[in-house]
PDB file of N, CA and C in Angstrom:
ATOM      1  N   MET A   1       0.850  -1.173   0.000  1.00  0.00           N
ATOM      2  CA  MET A   1       0.000   0.000   0.000  1.00  0.00           C
ATOM      3  C   MET A   1       0.892   1.231   0.000  1.00  0.00           C
ATOM      4  N   HIS A   2       0.600   2.149  -0.885  1.00  0.00           N
ATOM      5  CA  HIS A   2       1.389   3.366  -1.025  1.00  0.00           C
ATOM      6  C   HIS A   2       0.573   4.553  -0.504  1.00  0.00           C
ATOM      7  N   ILE A   3       1.145   5.306   0.429  1.00  0.00           N
ATOM      8  CA  ILE A   3       0.463   6.472   0.988  1.00  0.00           C
ATOM      9  C   ILE A   3       1.155   7.719   0.452  1.00  0.00           C
ATOM     10  N   SER A   4       0.399   8.591  -0.161  1.00  0.00           N
ATOM     11  CA  SER A   4       0.980   9.826  -0.685  1.00  0.00           C
ATOM     12  C   SER A   4       0.927  10.913   0.380  1.00  0.00           C
ATOM     13  N   LEU A   5       1.737  11.944   0.195  1.00  0.00           N
ATOM     14  CA  LEU A   5       1.713  13.071   1.124  1.00  0.00           C
ATOM     15  C   LEU A   5       0.372  13.796   1.079  1.00  0.00           C
ATOM     16  N   TYR A   6      -0.302  13.707  -0.038  1.00  0.00           N
ATOM     17  CA  TYR A   6      -1.616  14.325  -0.175  1.00  0.00           C
ATOM     18  C   TYR A   6      -2.643  13.670   0.751  1.00  0.00           C
ATOM     19  N   SER A   7      -2.479  12.393   1.045  1.00  0.00           N
ATOM     20  CA  SER A   7      -3.458  11.685   1.868  1.00  0.00           C
ATOM     21  C   SER A   7      -3.398  12.092   3.338  1.00  0.00           C
ATOM     22  N   ILE A   8      -2.269  12.626   3.793  1.00  0.00           N
ATOM     23  CA  ILE A   8      -2.141  13.036   5.201  1.00  0.00           C
ATOM     24  C   ILE A   8      -3.098  14.186   5.525  1.00  0.00           C
ATOM     25  N   PRO A   9      -3.095  15.307   4.755  1.00  0.00           N
ATOM     26  CA  PRO A   9      -4.056  16.367   5.077  1.00  0.00           C
ATOM     27  C   PRO A   9      -5.511  15.925   4.937  1.00  0.00           C
ATOM     28  N   ILE A  10      -5.777  15.059   3.981  1.00  0.00           N
ATOM     29  CA  ILE A  10      -7.144  14.558   3.819  1.00  0.00           C
ATOM     30  C   ILE A  10      -7.551  13.758   5.056  1.00  0.00           C
ATOM     31  N   GLY A  11      -6.645  12.925   5.561  1.00  0.00           N
ATOM     32  CA  GLY A  11      -6.918  12.139   6.766  1.00  0.00           C
ATOM     33  C   GLY A  11      -7.154  13.023   7.974  1.00  0.00           C
ATOM     34  N   LEU A  12      -6.340  14.071   8.135  1.00  0.00           N
ATOM     35  CA  LEU A  12      -6.523  14.993   9.253  1.00  0.00           C
ATOM     36  C   LEU A  12      -7.856  15.728   9.145  1.00  0.00           C
ATOM     37  N   TYR A  13      -8.213  16.124   7.931  1.00  0.00           N
ATOM     38  CA  TYR A  13      -9.498  16.794   7.732  1.00  0.00           C
ATOM     39  C   TYR A  13     -10.650  15.870   8.125  1.00  0.00           C
ATOM     40  N   LEU A  14     -10.599  14.635   7.682  1.00  0.00           N
ATOM     41  CA  LEU A  14     -11.656  13.676   8.014  1.00  0.00           C
ATOM     42  C   LEU A  14     -11.698  13.397   9.507  1.00  0.00           C
ATOM     43  N   PHE A  15     -10.522  13.318  10.149  1.00  0.00           N
ATOM     44  CA  PHE A  15     -10.444  13.098  11.589  1.00  0.00           C
ATOM     45  C   PHE A  15     -11.198  14.199  12.323  1.00  0.00           C
ATOM     46  N   HIS A  16     -10.937  15.459  11.957  1.00  0.00           N
ATOM     47  CA  HIS A  16     -11.605  16.570  12.630  1.00  0.00           C
ATOM     48  C   HIS A  16     -13.072  16.664  12.251  1.00  0.00           C
ATOM     49  N   THR A  17     -13.413  16.278  11.042  1.00  0.00           N
ATOM     50  CA  THR A  17     -14.811  16.314  10.631  1.00  0.00           C
ATOM     51  C   THR A  17     -15.637  15.322  11.431  1.00  0.00           C
ATOM     52  N   VAL A  18     -15.077  14.162  11.705  1.00  0.00           N
ATOM     53  CA  VAL A  18     -15.803  13.120  12.430  1.00  0.00           C
ATOM     54  C   VAL A  18     -15.841  13.410  13.920  1.00  0.00           C
ATOM     55  N   LEU A  19     -14.731  13.852  14.490  1.00  0.00           N
ATOM     56  CA  LEU A  19     -14.639  14.006  15.940  1.00  0.00           C
ATOM     57  C   LEU A  19     -14.897  15.414  16.442  1.00  0.00           C
ATOM     58  N   GLY A  20     -14.780  16.424  15.620  1.00  0.00           N
ATOM     59  CA  GLY A  20     -14.930  17.795  16.067  1.00  0.00           C
ATOM     60  C   GLY A  20     -13.645  18.315  16.671  1.00  0.00           C
ATOM     61  N   GLY A  21     -13.604  19.625  16.904  1.00  0.00           N
ATOM     62  CA  GLY A  21     -12.434  20.247  17.503  1.00  0.00           C
ATOM     63  C   GLY A  21     -12.380  19.971  18.993  1.00  0.00           C
ATOM     64  N   SER A  22     -11.179  20.027  19.544  1.00  0.00           N
ATOM     65  CA  SER A  22     -11.002  19.703  20.952  1.00  0.00           C
ATOM     66  C   SER A  22      -9.901  20.558  21.558  1.00  0.00           C
ATOM     67  N   VAL A  23     -10.131  21.057  22.774  1.00  0.00           N
ATOM     68  CA  VAL A  23      -9.104  21.783  23.517  1.00  0.00           C
ATOM     69  C   VAL A  23      -9.005  21.193  24.921  1.00  0.00           C
ATOM     70  N   THR A  24      -7.841  21.341  25.538  1.00  0.00           N
ATOM     71  CA  THR A  24      -7.647  20.826  26.894  1.00  0.00           C
ATOM     72  C   THR A  24      -7.392  21.970  27.869  1.00  0.00           C
ATOM     73  N   PHE A  25      -7.681  21.698  29.124  1.00  0.00           N
ATOM     74  CA  PHE A  25      -7.448  22.622  30.228  1.00  0.00           C
ATOM     75  C   PHE A  25      -6.631  21.875  31.271  1.00  0.00           C
ATOM     76  N   THR A  26      -5.465  22.394  31.613  1.00  0.00           N
ATOM     77  CA  THR A  26      -4.628  21.752  32.626  1.00  0.00           C
ATOM     78  C   THR A  26      -4.301  22.743  33.724  1.00  0.00           C
ATOM     79  N   GLY A  27      -4.092  22.225  34.916  1.00  0.00           N
ATOM     80  CA  GLY A  27      -3.695  23.036  36.044  1.00  0.00           C
ATOM     81  C   GLY A  27      -2.186  23.164  36.120  1.00  0.00           C
ATOM     82  N   PRO A  28      -1.662  23.642  37.250  1.00  0.00           N
ATOM     83  CA  PRO A  28      -0.226  23.855  37.383  1.00  0.00           C
ATOM     84  C   PRO A  28       0.597  22.568  37.319  1.00  0.00           C
ATOM     85  N   ARG A  29      -0.018  21.413  37.526  1.00  0.00           N
ATOM     86  CA  ARG A  29       0.723  20.150  37.461  1.00  0.00           C
ATOM     87  C   ARG A  29       0.771  19.595  36.042  1.00  0.00           C
ATOM     88  N   GLY A  30       0.144  20.289  35.098  1.00  0.00           N
ATOM     89  CA  GLY A  30       0.149  19.838  33.705  1.00  0.00           C
ATOM     90  C   GLY A  30      -0.587  18.525  33.551  1.00  0.00           C
ATOM     91  N   ALA A  31      -0.078  17.663  32.691  1.00  0.00           N
ATOM     92  CA  ALA A  31      -0.737  16.386  32.401  1.00  0.00           C
ATOM     93  C   ALA A  31      -0.710  15.442  33.592  1.00  0.00           C
ATOM     94  N   LYS A  32       0.121  15.720  34.601  1.00  0.00           N
ATOM     95  CA  LYS A  32       0.171  14.862  35.794  1.00  0.00           C
ATOM     96  C   LYS A  32      -1.043  15.097  36.688  1.00  0.00           C
ATOM     97  N   GLY A  33      -1.651  16.273  36.564  1.00  0.00           N
ATOM     98  CA  GLY A  33      -2.835  16.584  37.356  1.00  0.00           C
ATOM     99  C   GLY A  33      -4.106  16.281  36.584  1.00  0.00           C
ATOM    100  N   ASP A  34      -5.218  16.804  37.089  1.00  0.00           N
ATOM    101  CA  ASP A  34      -6.491  16.614  36.404  1.00  0.00           C
ATOM    102  C   ASP A  34      -6.495  17.414  35.097  1.00  0.00           C
ATOM    103  N   VAL A  35      -7.083  16.849  34.064  1.00  0.00           N
ATOM    104  CA  VAL A  35      -7.113  17.482  32.745  1.00  0.00           C
ATOM    105  C   VAL A  35      -8.541  17.437  32.203  1.00  0.00           C
ATOM    106  N   ALA A  36      -9.085  18.608  31.876  1.00  0.00           N
ATOM    107  CA  ALA A  36     -10.419  18.692  31.276  1.00  0.00           C
ATOM    108  C   ALA A  36     -10.281  18.859  29.771  1.00  0.00           C
ATOM    109  N   THR A  37     -11.257  18.354  29.050  1.00  0.00           N
ATOM    110  CA  THR A  37     -11.278  18.467  27.593  1.00  0.00           C
ATOM    111  C   THR A  37     -12.661  18.920  27.144  1.00  0.00           C
ATOM    112  N   CYS A  38     -12.687  19.873  26.232  1.00  0.00           N
ATOM    113  CA  CYS A  38     -13.928  20.322  25.595  1.00  0.00           C
ATOM    114  C   CYS A  38     -13.854  19.911  24.133  1.00  0.00           C
ATOM    115  N   THR A  39     -14.794  19.084  23.704  1.00  0.00           N
ATOM    116  CA  THR A  39     -14.854  18.624  22.316  1.00  0.00           C
ATOM    117  C   THR A  39     -16.152  19.123  21.698  1.00  0.00           C
ATOM    118  N   SER A  40     -16.028  19.809  20.565  1.00  0.00           N
ATOM    119  CA  SER A  40     -17.210  20.389  19.923  1.00  0.00           C
ATOM    120  C   SER A  40     -18.074  19.328  19.265  1.00  0.00           C
ATOM    121  N   ASP A  41     -19.298  19.717  18.980  1.00  0.00           N
ATOM    122  CA  ASP A  41     -20.224  18.857  18.240  1.00  0.00           C
ATOM    123  C   ASP A  41     -19.634  18.606  16.853  1.00  0.00           C
ATOM    124  N   PRO A  42     -19.469  17.349  16.453  1.00  0.00           N
ATOM    125  CA  PRO A  42     -18.870  17.057  15.142  1.00  0.00           C
ATOM    126  C   PRO A  42     -19.614  17.703  13.976  1.00  0.00           C
ATOM    127  N   GLU A  43     -20.916  17.897  14.112  1.00  0.00           N
ATOM    128  CA  GLU A  43     -21.682  18.507  13.027  1.00  0.00           C
ATOM    129  C   GLU A  43     -21.357  19.983  12.844  1.00  0.00           C
ATOM    130  N   ALA A  44     -20.779  20.618  13.881  1.00  0.00           N
ATOM    131  CA  ALA A  44     -20.395  22.026  13.770  1.00  0.00           C
ATOM    132  C   ALA A  44     -19.170  22.194  12.879  1.00  0.00           C
ATOM    133  N   ASN A  45     -18.388  21.135  12.727  1.00  0.00           N
ATOM    134  CA  ASN A  45     -17.203  21.136  11.866  1.00  0.00           C
ATOM    135  C   ASN A  45     -16.180  22.187  12.294  1.00  0.00           C
ATOM    136  N   TYR A  46     -15.982  22.356  13.622  1.00  0.00           N
ATOM    137  CA  TYR A  46     -14.976  23.272  14.139  1.00  0.00           C
ATOM    138  C   TYR A  46     -13.670  22.520  14.329  1.00  0.00           C
ATOM    139  N   ASP A  47     -12.555  23.179  14.015  1.00  0.00           N
ATOM    140  CA  ASP A  47     -11.262  22.590  14.330  1.00  0.00           C
ATOM    141  C   ASP A  47     -10.839  23.068  15.721  1.00  0.00           C
ATOM    142  N   ASP A  48      -9.677  22.605  16.195  1.00  0.00           N
ATOM    143  CA  ASP A  48      -9.212  22.939  17.540  1.00  0.00           C
ATOM    144  C   ASP A  48      -9.097  24.452  17.737  1.00  0.00           C
ATOM    145  N   LYS A  49      -8.536  25.144  16.755  1.00  0.00           N
ATOM    146  CA  LYS A  49      -8.343  26.590  16.860  1.00  0.00           C
ATOM    147  C   LYS A  49      -9.679  27.309  16.995  1.00  0.00           C
ATOM    148  N   LYS A  50     -10.661  26.909  16.225  1.00  0.00           N
ATOM    149  CA  LYS A  50     -11.975  27.557  16.272  1.00  0.00           C
ATOM    150  C   LYS A  50     -12.630  27.356  17.637  1.00  0.00           C
ATOM    151  N   VAL A  51     -12.514  26.158  18.204  1.00  0.00           N
ATOM    152  CA  VAL A  51     -13.077  25.904  19.539  1.00  0.00           C
ATOM    153  C   VAL A  51     -12.385  26.795  20.566  1.00  0.00           C
ATOM    154  N   ALA A  52     -11.053  26.888  20.502  1.00  0.00           N
ATOM    155  CA  ALA A  52     -10.308  27.745  21.431  1.00  0.00           C
ATOM    156  C   ALA A  52     -10.704  29.208  21.248  1.00  0.00           C
ATOM    157  N   ASP A  53     -10.851  29.650  20.003  1.00  0.00           N
ATOM    158  CA  ASP A  53     -11.274  31.030  19.730  1.00  0.00           C
ATOM    159  C   ASP A  53     -12.649  31.313  20.327  1.00  0.00           C
ATOM    160  N   LEU A  54     -13.584  30.388  20.154  1.00  0.00           N
ATOM    161  CA  LEU A  54     -14.940  30.576  20.680  1.00  0.00           C
ATOM    162  C   LEU A  54     -14.948  30.619  22.207  1.00  0.00           C
ATOM    163  N   LEU A  55     -14.166  29.752  22.849  1.00  0.00           N
ATOM    164  CA  LEU A  55     -14.092  29.762  24.313  1.00  0.00           C
ATOM    165  C   LEU A  55     -13.462  31.059  24.812  1.00  0.00           C
ATOM    166  N   GLU A  56     -12.434  31.517  24.124  1.00  0.00           N
ATOM    167  CA  GLU A  56     -11.788  32.771  24.505  1.00  0.00           C
ATOM    168  C   GLU A  56     -12.754  33.943  24.330  1.00  0.00           C
ATOM    169  N   LYS A  57     -13.488  33.955  23.238  1.00  0.00           N
ATOM    170  CA  LYS A  57     -14.471  35.014  22.977  1.00  0.00           C
ATOM    171  C   LYS A  57     -15.590  34.994  24.018  1.00  0.00           C
ATOM    172  N   ALA A  58     -15.943  33.803  24.508  1.00  0.00           N
ATOM    173  CA  ALA A  58     -16.990  33.670  25.525  1.00  0.00           C
ATOM    174  C   ALA A  58     -16.508  34.108  26.902  1.00  0.00           C
ATOM    175  N   GLY A  59     -15.205  34.391  27.033  1.00  0.00           N
ATOM    176  CA  GLY A  59     -14.669  34.880  28.296  1.00  0.00           C
ATOM    177  C   GLY A  59     -14.202  33.793  29.235  1.00  0.00           C
ATOM    178  N   ILE A  60     -13.595  32.742  28.702  1.00  0.00           N
ATOM    179  CA  ILE A  60     -13.144  31.625  29.537  1.00  0.00           C
ATOM    180  C   ILE A  60     -12.184  32.094  30.630  1.00  0.00           C
ATOM    181  N   GLY A  61     -11.356  33.107  30.358  1.00  0.00           N
ATOM    182  CA  GLY A  61     -10.543  33.729  31.392  1.00  0.00           C
ATOM    183  C   GLY A  61      -9.285  32.990  31.807  1.00  0.00           C
ATOM    184  N   PHE A  62      -8.862  31.987  31.083  1.00  0.00           N
ATOM    185  CA  PHE A  62      -7.628  31.273  31.402  1.00  0.00           C
ATOM    186  C   PHE A  62      -6.576  31.590  30.353  1.00  0.00           C
ATOM    187  N   LYS A  63      -5.309  31.413  30.717  1.00  0.00           N
ATOM    188  CA  LYS A  63      -4.204  31.695  29.799  1.00  0.00           C
ATOM    189  C   LYS A  63      -4.214  30.685  28.653  1.00  0.00           C
ATOM    190  N   ARG A  64      -4.232  31.217  27.438  1.00  0.00           N
ATOM    191  CA  ARG A  64      -4.247  30.353  26.251  1.00  0.00           C
ATOM    192  C   ARG A  64      -2.818  30.089  25.790  1.00  0.00           C
ATOM    193  N   VAL A  65      -2.529  28.820  25.545  1.00  0.00           N
ATOM    194  CA  VAL A  65      -1.239  28.403  25.003  1.00  0.00           C
ATOM    195  C   VAL A  65      -1.548  27.556  23.774  1.00  0.00           C
ATOM    196  N   GLY A  66      -1.328  28.119  22.596  1.00  0.00           N
ATOM    197  CA  GLY A  66      -1.712  27.422  21.368  1.00  0.00           C
ATOM    198  C   GLY A  66      -3.224  27.314  21.313  1.00  0.00           C
ATOM    199  N   ASN A  67      -3.729  26.109  21.205  1.00  0.00           N
ATOM    200  CA  ASN A  67      -5.179  25.889  21.193  1.00  0.00           C
ATOM    201  C   ASN A  67      -5.671  25.304  22.510  1.00  0.00           C
ATOM    202  N   ASN A  68      -4.864  25.385  23.565  1.00  0.00           N
ATOM    203  CA  ASN A  68      -5.229  24.840  24.870  1.00  0.00           C
ATOM    204  C   ASN A  68      -5.139  25.934  25.920  1.00  0.00           C
ATOM    205  N   PHE A  69      -5.578  25.624  27.136  1.00  0.00           N
ATOM    206  CA  PHE A  69      -5.608  26.617  28.200  1.00  0.00           C
ATOM    207  C   PHE A  69      -4.924  26.084  29.457  1.00  0.00           C
ATOM    208  N   ILE A  70      -4.274  27.000  30.183  1.00  0.00           N
ATOM    209  CA  ILE A  70      -3.620  26.682  31.454  1.00  0.00           C
ATOM    210  C   ILE A  70      -4.415  27.366  32.561  1.00  0.00           C
ATOM    211  N   ILE A  71      -4.770  26.600  33.578  1.00  0.00           N
ATOM    212  CA  ILE A  71      -5.507  27.126  34.721  1.00  0.00           C
ATOM    213  C   ILE A  71      -4.503  27.341  35.844  1.00  0.00           C
ATOM    214  N   ASP A  72      -4.425  28.568  36.360  1.00  0.00           N
ATOM    215  CA  ASP A  72      -3.408  28.908  37.348  1.00  0.00           C
ATOM    216  C   ASP A  72      -3.611  28.224  38.694  1.00  0.00           C
ATOM    217  N   GLU A  73      -4.847  28.188  39.157  1.00  0.00           N
ATOM    218  CA  GLU A  73      -5.095  27.589  40.470  1.00  0.00           C
ATOM    219  C   GLU A  73      -5.108  26.063  40.372  1.00  0.00           C
ATOM    220  N   ASN A  74      -5.147  25.420  41.510  1.00  0.00           N
ATOM    221  CA  ASN A  74      -5.221  23.956  41.513  1.00  0.00           C
ATOM    222  C   ASN A  74      -6.546  23.529  40.913  1.00  0.00           C
ATOM    223  N   PHE A  75      -6.469  22.808  39.816  1.00  0.00           N
ATOM    224  CA  PHE A  75      -7.659  22.387  39.093  1.00  0.00           C
ATOM    225  C   PHE A  75      -8.019  20.969  39.496  1.00  0.00           C
ATOM    226  N   ILE A  76      -9.294  20.759  39.836  1.00  0.00           N
ATOM    227  CA  ILE A  76      -9.786  19.441  40.236  1.00  0.00           C
ATOM    228  C   ILE A  76     -11.059  19.153  39.449  1.00  0.00           C
ATOM    229  N   CYS A  77     -11.148  17.962  38.876  1.00  0.00           N
ATOM    230  CA  CYS A  77     -12.369  17.562  38.169  1.00  0.00           C
ATOM    231  C   CYS A  77     -13.556  17.672  39.121  1.00  0.00           C
ATOM    232  N   GLY A  78     -14.625  18.281  38.662  1.00  0.00           N
ATOM    233  CA  GLY A  78     -15.830  18.384  39.467  1.00  0.00           C
ATOM    234  C   GLY A  78     -15.945  19.662  40.267  1.00  0.00           C
ATOM    235  N   ASP A  79     -14.914  20.525  40.264  1.00  0.00           N
ATOM    236  CA  ASP A  79     -15.006  21.758  41.040  1.00  0.00           C
ATOM    237  C   ASP A  79     -15.690  22.862  40.224  1.00  0.00           C
ATOM    238  N   TYR A  80     -15.735  24.064  40.800  1.00  0.00           N
ATOM    239  CA  TYR A  80     -16.411  25.193  40.157  1.00  0.00           C
ATOM    240  C   TYR A  80     -15.789  25.520  38.803  1.00  0.00           C
ATOM    241  N   THR A  81     -14.467  25.447  38.721  1.00  0.00           N
ATOM    242  CA  THR A  81     -13.779  25.740  37.464  1.00  0.00           C
ATOM    243  C   THR A  81     -14.206  24.764  36.378  1.00  0.00           C
ATOM    244  N   PHE A  82     -14.299  23.482  36.725  1.00  0.00           N
ATOM    245  CA  PHE A  82     -14.737  22.482  35.749  1.00  0.00           C
ATOM    246  C   PHE A  82     -16.174  22.753  35.310  1.00  0.00           C
ATOM    247  N   ALA A  83     -17.023  23.161  36.238  1.00  0.00           N
ATOM    248  CA  ALA A  83     -18.416  23.479  35.903  1.00  0.00           C
ATOM    249  C   ALA A  83     -18.488  24.665  34.941  1.00  0.00           C
ATOM    250  N   THR A  84     -17.634  25.665  35.157  1.00  0.00           N
ATOM    251  CA  THR A  84     -17.585  26.824  34.267  1.00  0.00           C
ATOM    252  C   THR A  84     -17.162  26.412  32.864  1.00  0.00           C
ATOM    253  N   ILE A  85     -16.124  25.578  32.776  1.00  0.00           N
ATOM    254  CA  ILE A  85     -15.662  25.073  31.478  1.00  0.00           C
ATOM    255  C   ILE A  85     -16.797  24.312  30.796  1.00  0.00           C
ATOM    256  N   GLY A  86     -17.474  23.465  31.559  1.00  0.00           N
ATOM    257  CA  GLY A  86     -18.577  22.677  31.009  1.00  0.00           C
ATOM    258  C   GLY A  86     -19.704  23.538  30.474  1.00  0.00           C
ATOM    259  N   ASP A  87     -20.057  24.583  31.230  1.00  0.00           N
ATOM    260  CA  ASP A  87     -21.131  25.473  30.786  1.00  0.00           C
ATOM    261  C   ASP A  87     -20.782  26.143  29.462  1.00  0.00           C
ATOM    262  N   LEU A  88     -19.565  26.684  29.366  1.00  0.00           N
ATOM    263  CA  LEU A  88     -19.165  27.375  28.138  1.00  0.00           C
ATOM    264  C   LEU A  88     -19.017  26.415  26.964  1.00  0.00           C
ATOM    265  N   CYS A  89     -18.579  25.198  27.246  1.00  0.00           N
ATOM    266  CA  CYS A  89     -18.392  24.205  26.188  1.00  0.00           C
ATOM    267  C   CYS A  89     -19.736  23.701  25.655  1.00  0.00           C
ATOM    268  N   GLN A  90     -20.698  23.523  26.541  1.00  0.00           N
ATOM    269  CA  GLN A  90     -21.985  22.949  26.147  1.00  0.00           C
ATOM    270  C   GLN A  90     -22.939  23.969  25.537  1.00  0.00           C
ATOM    271  N   ASP A  91     -22.713  25.249  25.811  1.00  0.00           N
ATOM    272  CA  ASP A  91     -23.582  26.298  25.279  1.00  0.00           C
ATOM    273  C   ASP A  91     -23.311  26.536  23.794  1.00  0.00           C
ATOM    274  N   PRO A  92     -24.296  27.136  23.089  1.00  0.00           N
ATOM    275  CA  PRO A  92     -24.048  27.511  21.693  1.00  0.00           C
ATOM    276  C   PRO A  92     -22.911  28.534  21.625  1.00  0.00           C
ATOM    277  N   PRO A  93     -22.126  28.570  20.602  1.00  0.00           N
ATOM    278  CA  PRO A  93     -22.247  27.808  19.368  1.00  0.00           C
ATOM    279  C   PRO A  93     -21.482  26.481  19.381  1.00  0.00           C
ATOM    280  N   ILE A  94     -20.748  26.190  20.466  1.00  0.00           N
ATOM    281  CA  ILE A  94     -19.913  24.981  20.471  1.00  0.00           C
ATOM    282  C   ILE A  94     -20.764  23.722  20.594  1.00  0.00           C
ATOM    283  N   LEU A  95     -21.737  23.748  21.510  1.00  0.00           N
ATOM    284  CA  LEU A  95     -22.611  22.588  21.755  1.00  0.00           C
ATOM    285  C   LEU A  95     -21.796  21.316  21.960  1.00  0.00           C
ATOM    286  N   GLY A  96     -20.745  21.454  22.762  1.00  0.00           N
ATOM    287  CA  GLY A  96     -19.800  20.355  22.937  1.00  0.00           C
ATOM    288  C   GLY A  96     -20.033  19.513  24.165  1.00  0.00           C
ATOM    289  N   VAL A  97     -19.068  18.643  24.397  1.00  0.00           N
ATOM    290  CA  VAL A  97     -19.071  17.727  25.531  1.00  0.00           C
ATOM    291  C   VAL A  97     -17.791  17.968  26.320  1.00  0.00           C
ATOM    292  N   THR A  98     -17.922  18.026  27.638  1.00  0.00           N
ATOM    293  CA  THR A  98     -16.763  18.220  28.497  1.00  0.00           C
ATOM    294  C   THR A  98     -16.471  16.932  29.243  1.00  0.00           C
ATOM    295  N   THR A  99     -15.216  16.527  29.230  1.00  0.00           N
ATOM    296  CA  THR A  99     -14.780  15.359  29.991  1.00  0.00           C
ATOM    297  C   THR A  99     -13.623  15.769  30.885  1.00  0.00           C
ATOM    298  N   CYS A 100     -13.346  14.960  31.887  1.00  0.00           N
ATOM    299  CA  CYS A 100     -12.246  15.262  32.791  1.00  0.00           C
ATOM    300  C   CYS A 100     -11.538  13.976  33.188  1.00  0.00           C
ATOM    301  N   LYS A 101     -10.212  13.994  33.117  1.00  0.00           N
ATOM    302  CA  LYS A 101      -9.390  12.854  33.507  1.00  0.00           C
ATOM    303  C   LYS A 101      -8.692  13.210  34.813  1.00  0.00           C
ATOM    304  N   ILE A 102      -8.883  12.371  35.820  1.00  0.00           N
ATOM    305  CA  ILE A 102      -8.274  12.607  37.124  1.00  0.00           C
ATOM    306  C   ILE A 102      -6.822  12.150  37.084  1.00  0.00           C
ATOM    307  N   GLY A 103      -5.933  13.047  37.492  1.00  0.00           N
ATOM    308  CA  GLY A 103      -4.505  12.754  37.491  1.00  0.00           C
ATOM    309  C   GLY A 103      -4.107  11.858  38.649  1.00  0.00           C
ATOM    310  N   ASP A 104      -2.874  11.435  38.615  1.00  0.00           N
ATOM    311  CA  ASP A 104      -2.327  10.577  39.661  1.00  0.00           C
ATOM    312  C   ASP A 104      -1.712  11.461  40.746  1.00  0.00           C
ATOM    313  N   PRO A 105      -2.280  11.498  41.955  1.00  0.00           N
ATOM    314  CA  PRO A 105      -1.765  12.375  43.007  1.00  0.00           C
ATOM    315  C   PRO A 105      -0.373  11.986  43.494  1.00  0.00           C
ATOM    316  N   SER A 106       0.060  10.775  43.211  1.00  0.00           N
ATOM    317  CA  SER A 106       1.374  10.339  43.691  1.00  0.00           C
ATOM    318  C   SER A 106       2.511  10.825  42.801  1.00  0.00           C
ATOM    319  N   ILE A 107       2.174  11.373  41.638  1.00  0.00           N
ATOM    320  CA  ILE A 107       3.229  11.830  40.718  1.00  0.00           C
ATOM    321  C   ILE A 107       3.559  13.267  40.999  1.00  0.00           C
TER     322      ILE A 107
END
């Protein structure tokens, strides 16, 4: 099977079309701590940058690094900060889903 360089951008486009755009929110411990993710509705056809732009425009209030956000305070899944992220992610125009992965406290 021969894969051309042209097929890579097509594959990435299809990946984002099926799954929607996604951004992450991490606290001061980075990936070792709790990590929230906002994934847009696939039918909206937003890429990662567009989701980050919409969250920033909605006033998410966290430091943006690329298409992701850093939360200064200690971030814990299920706290007020996570609820705020969830509200902004689920509201129009993103109509997304928010998930949270609990980090390992021993690391």
